Amino acid sequence: MSTFGVIQAVIIGALVLFSALYAMRKLLPGMSTRWLAALSASLNKPWRKPWLRALGRRLQPAQASGSCGDGCGTCGSCGPTPPASARPDAQPLEFRSRQR
């Protein structure tokens, strides 16, 4: 295999890996957050080199603080919902009896 073939295989492999990680992040956010937290915890050990510990701290997923302004969306109270009368797409239903 030529040098060009090896470079091409490495680039294609990196693109496929990136695409798979991106799809996992979008389709399985809970699992990817757990995996990222486990990787971060394993890198952020006291006996690791400083650059590995810094990488572990950087990879650590953000945790929801539980306040209404963090935008986590877990409690459903991240913002006021407009009342039903203010929405233009809401129309009242009218039921009429059939005429015989």
C-alpha atoms as a PDB file:
ATOM      1  CA  MET A   1       0.000   0.000   0.000  1.00  0.00           C
ATOM      2  CA  SER A   2       1.340   3.389  -0.920  1.00  0.00           C
ATOM      3  CA  THR A   3       1.749   6.334   1.417  1.00  0.00           C
ATOM      4  CA  PHE A   4      -1.237   8.020  -0.188  1.00  0.00           C
ATOM      5  CA  GLY A   5      -3.375   4.954   0.504  1.00  0.00           C
ATOM      6  CA  VAL A   6      -2.375   4.907   4.175  1.00  0.00           C
ATOM      7  CA  ILE A   7      -3.101   8.609   4.596  1.00  0.00           C
ATOM      8  CA  GLN A   8      -6.438   8.183   2.844  1.00  0.00           C
ATOM      9  CA  ALA A   9      -7.373   5.237   5.097  1.00  0.00           C
ATOM     10  CA  VAL A  10      -6.445   7.178   8.242  1.00  0.00           C
ATOM     11  CA  ILE A  11      -8.500  10.210   7.176  1.00  0.00           C
ATOM     12  CA  ILE A  12     -11.532   8.094   6.268  1.00  0.00           C
ATOM     13  CA  GLY A  13     -11.255   6.149   9.532  1.00  0.00           C
ATOM     14  CA  ALA A  14     -11.089   9.386  11.528  1.00  0.00           C
ATOM     15  CA  LEU A  15     -14.153  10.754   9.720  1.00  0.00           C
ATOM     16  CA  VAL A  16     -16.138   7.564  10.344  1.00  0.00           C
ATOM     17  CA  LEU A  17     -15.150   7.595  14.031  1.00  0.00           C
ATOM     18  CA  PHE A  18     -16.106  11.259  14.386  1.00  0.00           C
ATOM     19  CA  SER A  19     -19.455  10.617  12.669  1.00  0.00           C
ATOM     20  CA  ALA A  20     -20.204   7.663  14.944  1.00  0.00           C
ATOM     21  CA  LEU A  21     -19.358   9.676  18.075  1.00  0.00           C
ATOM     22  CA  TYR A  22     -21.484  12.597  16.880  1.00  0.00           C
ATOM     23  CA  ALA A  23     -24.451  10.316  16.169  1.00  0.00           C
ATOM     24  CA  MET A  24     -24.077   8.650  19.578  1.00  0.00           C
ATOM     25  CA  ARG A  25     -23.969  12.045  21.264  1.00  0.00           C
ATOM     26  CA  LYS A  26     -27.168  13.165  19.503  1.00  0.00           C
ATOM     27  CA  LEU A  27     -29.145   9.911  19.737  1.00  0.00           C
ATOM     28  CA  LEU A  28     -27.987   8.646  23.150  1.00  0.00           C
ATOM     29  CA  PRO A  29     -27.215  11.721  25.274  1.00  0.00           C
ATOM     30  CA  GLY A  30     -27.541   9.968  28.647  1.00  0.00           C
ATOM     31  CA  MET A  31     -25.179   7.152  27.771  1.00  0.00           C
ATOM     32  CA  SER A  32     -22.632   9.461  26.145  1.00  0.00           C
ATOM     33  CA  THR A  33     -22.671  11.715  29.226  1.00  0.00           C
ATOM     34  CA  ARG A  34     -22.041   8.702  31.485  1.00  0.00           C
ATOM     35  CA  TRP A  35     -19.167   7.535  29.271  1.00  0.00           C
ATOM     36  CA  LEU A  36     -17.676  11.014  29.188  1.00  0.00           C
ATOM     37  CA  ALA A  37     -17.931  11.273  32.987  1.00  0.00           C
ATOM     38  CA  ALA A  38     -16.214   7.887  33.389  1.00  0.00           C
ATOM     39  CA  LEU A  39     -13.404   8.897  31.023  1.00  0.00           C
ATOM     40  CA  SER A  40     -13.013  12.217  32.813  1.00  0.00           C
ATOM     41  CA  ALA A  41     -12.865  10.537  36.224  1.00  0.00           C
ATOM     42  CA  SER A  42     -10.249   8.048  35.043  1.00  0.00           C
ATOM     43  CA  LEU A  43      -8.059  10.827  33.632  1.00  0.00           C
ATOM     44  CA  ASN A  44      -8.404  13.109  36.660  1.00  0.00           C
ATOM     45  CA  LYS A  45      -6.517  10.927  39.166  1.00  0.00           C
ATOM     46  CA  PRO A  46      -3.825  12.353  41.480  1.00  0.00           C
ATOM     47  CA  TRP A  47      -1.070  10.128  40.048  1.00  0.00           C
ATOM     48  CA  ARG A  48      -1.698  11.168  36.424  1.00  0.00           C
ATOM     49  CA  LYS A  49       0.441  13.698  34.612  1.00  0.00           C
ATOM     50  CA  PRO A  50      -0.751  17.317  34.838  1.00  0.00           C
ATOM     51  CA  TRP A  51      -1.738  17.528  31.171  1.00  0.00           C
ATOM     52  CA  LEU A  52      -3.880  14.374  31.511  1.00  0.00           C
ATOM     53  CA  ARG A  53      -5.551  15.775  34.626  1.00  0.00           C
ATOM     54  CA  ALA A  54      -6.253  19.037  32.764  1.00  0.00           C
ATOM     55  CA  LEU A  55      -7.773  17.052  29.899  1.00  0.00           C
ATOM     56  CA  GLY A  56      -9.924  15.130  32.389  1.00  0.00           C
ATOM     57  CA  ARG A  57     -11.195  18.350  33.958  1.00  0.00           C
ATOM     58  CA  ARG A  58     -11.940  19.765  30.504  1.00  0.00           C
ATOM     59  CA  LEU A  59     -13.865  16.654  29.423  1.00  0.00           C
ATOM     60  CA  GLN A  60     -15.980  16.594  32.565  1.00  0.00           C
ATOM     61  CA  PRO A  61     -19.638  17.008  31.544  1.00  0.00           C
ATOM     62  CA  ALA A  62     -21.524  19.993  32.878  1.00  0.00           C
ATOM     63  CA  GLN A  63     -23.984  19.127  35.613  1.00  0.00           C
ATOM     64  CA  ALA A  64     -27.315  20.818  35.991  1.00  0.00           C
ATOM     65  CA  SER A  65     -27.289  23.139  38.974  1.00  0.00           C
ATOM     66  CA  GLY A  66     -30.999  22.783  39.574  1.00  0.00           C
ATOM     67  CA  SER A  67     -31.706  26.475  39.203  1.00  0.00           C
ATOM     68  CA  CYS A  68     -34.261  27.818  36.784  1.00  0.00           C
ATOM     69  CA  GLY A  69     -31.704  29.725  34.745  1.00  0.00           C
ATOM     70  CA  ASP A  70     -29.339  26.912  33.768  1.00  0.00           C
ATOM     71  CA  GLY A  71     -31.475  25.735  30.842  1.00  0.00           C
ATOM     72  CA  CYS A  72     -31.259  22.043  31.624  1.00  0.00           C
ATOM     73  CA  GLY A  73     -34.924  21.400  30.792  1.00  0.00           C
ATOM     74  CA  THR A  74     -35.349  18.643  33.370  1.00  0.00           C
ATOM     75  CA  CYS A  75     -38.120  20.212  35.414  1.00  0.00           C
ATOM     76  CA  GLY A  76     -40.072  21.822  32.582  1.00  0.00           C
ATOM     77  CA  SER A  77     -40.063  25.245  34.213  1.00  0.00           C
ATOM     78  CA  CYS A  78     -37.334  26.903  32.171  1.00  0.00           C
ATOM     79  CA  GLY A  79     -39.630  29.589  30.930  1.00  0.00           C
ATOM     80  CA  PRO A  80     -43.201  30.736  30.981  1.00  0.00           C
ATOM     81  CA  THR A  81     -45.512  29.174  28.451  1.00  0.00           C
ATOM     82  CA  PRO A  82     -47.924  31.528  26.752  1.00  0.00           C
ATOM     83  CA  PRO A  83     -51.556  31.126  27.758  1.00  0.00           C
ATOM     84  CA  ALA A  84     -53.828  29.250  25.372  1.00  0.00           C
ATOM     85  CA  SER A  85     -55.706  32.429  24.455  1.00  0.00           C
ATOM     86  CA  ALA A  86     -52.498  34.140  23.309  1.00  0.00           C
ATOM     87  CA  ARG A  87     -51.587  31.397  20.832  1.00  0.00           C
ATOM     88  CA  PRO A  88     -52.936  32.122  17.345  1.00  0.00           C
ATOM     89  CA  ASP A  89     -53.168  28.448  16.381  1.00  0.00           C
ATOM     90  CA  ALA A  90     -55.564  27.557  19.233  1.00  0.00           C
ATOM     91  CA  GLN A  91     -59.203  27.672  18.201  1.00  0.00           C
ATOM     92  CA  PRO A  92     -62.203  26.604  20.241  1.00  0.00           C
ATOM     93  CA  LEU A  93     -64.110  23.505  19.151  1.00  0.00           C
ATOM     94  CA  GLU A  94     -67.811  23.794  18.381  1.00  0.00           C
ATOM     95  CA  PHE A  95     -69.942  20.662  18.524  1.00  0.00           C
ATOM     96  CA  ARG A  96     -73.267  20.682  16.751  1.00  0.00           C
ATOM     97  CA  SER A  97     -75.881  17.987  16.797  1.00  0.00           C
ATOM     98  CA  ARG A  98     -76.785  16.342  13.519  1.00  0.00           C
ATOM     99  CA  GLN A  99     -79.862  17.578  11.712  1.00  0.00           C
ATOM    100  CA  ARG A 100     -82.369  14.820  10.812  1.00  0.00           C
END
